[in-house]
Every structure is written in C-alpha cells, then in structure tokens.
C-alpha cells in the first residue's frame, strides 16, 4: 500500500485544546436540548463514532453534508456555534491520535473513544433506584459508538468501497467487520465494570478484547483512507472567503475569527 498525500481535513489542526469533562457535559446538554425537538438526535457516544468514521474517510466530507445526516435537517450550525467548535476540537484530537505512531494501547497518544458503560452505571445504583430498568436492555459497552461509525459508512458507501490493492482491501474489510461485531450485543459473561473499578461486573472479557481490536481497526482505516485520498496537486483550491463571511469549516464563526485568524 503506497502512501500518498492526504486530502485536507475539514477540521482545524491538532494544536487545538482537547475536550475536557466540562466540554463533554456541554455537548451532552446541547444534544439533550436538540432532542426535545427531534427525538432522533443521538447521544454523544454515537456522535463520537460518527466523527471517527469521518476522520477515517478517504474523502473529506463537508460539514454541509454530514450535519443533516447526524443531527437532522433542522440542525443549524450557526445557532450552535459552541457545539460545532467543540466538535472541531475533538476532530483535531482524534486525527492527531490516529496519526501518532503508537505501538501499544497504553501509549498516552493512543486514540481513546469516548464510550460509556451504561449497564455498569445502572448496576452500580442501589436496587431501589434502578426502577424497572433491566440493564440487559441497555446498550452494551461501546455499542452506540460502533453504531455511529457504521452510520457514517452507510451514509457514504462509495467512500468505503474496497481499494484495488489487495492488502488494503483486506485491511478495510477486517477493520469494518471488527466494528460491526462491536455494534452487536455483549452476550458473554460479565466480568468487569468499566463504570467503577469496584462496581458490579457489566462487561465481558470478550467485549474488552473486541474493543481493543476495534481501536487498532480504526488506525488501519485511517491509514487506508489517507493512502486513497486524492493527491494534493489534484485538489482544486476553493477561493478564500471574505473575512466577514462564515468560515467554511462549519463552525458558524466568521472566517476572520476562525481559520482566517
């Protein structure tokens, strides 16, 4: 598989500050507010998987294409500038992690998907506070992330067609198969809790192994996507927007206060 110059991302450079706990809380709050008007708006974990797929795509999908698919046709980036800005920061963080030459998952530079152990959180509650909630009916560990990733793959299938290079095609197929497995239920015996170190078991050992394989799968997909991106010299540069025009990155900010700063 011969490396080539990747197409430019639709996100800022990785120098942006990574998201913190308060930032994720703010993203959740905005999604909750959007869900009041559109019940189909997903949780952040789903968005996280969707974002990872966009980062790995061989084509730079424009914000105008992906916002309606992810958050509905009624989503207006201009009305949610802070959400979009935090999205761009996470994009840069994920891209930097996937481009880092990591060898082990313990490397601090490794991509760590933001996923939840929802079943573990419920099991950690006192029985009286669980109500009628059956933990087995809740999403498995990292399941929503995998659904989000595959949603982006299915939205733009032509961007995920097997390449001519047999090795790259095999890598693509195996990586997507790993994510599809993670999109299924965790049917193994619960062994550990990812919610609390001493919490009731909620995740199987097989699930953890599958999750680790998926992280490496995402690295493979990023590599395949970059190798198949159009060379820089074939990309026509769009005219630079005016300083008071909306920034083309989709953040909702004026160009002079965003990428034109």
Foldseek 3Di string as FASTA:
>chain_A
DDFFAADDALADALPDDADDPVLLVVLQVVQVVLCVVPVPQDGVLLVLLLLLLCLLFLDHDFPVPVCCLRRNPPDDLLVVLSSLNNSRNNSNLQNQLLPDPDDDCPPPSHDDRDWDQVLLVLQQDDPVVNPPDDSQPDAHTSLSSLVSNVSNCVSCVVRLDQDPPPVLSVLSVVLNVLSVVLNDGQPDDFDAGPHDRPTDGRHDPVNVVSVRSNSVSSSSSSRSSSRNHDHPVVDDDDDDDDQQPQCSSSSSHGCCVPVVD
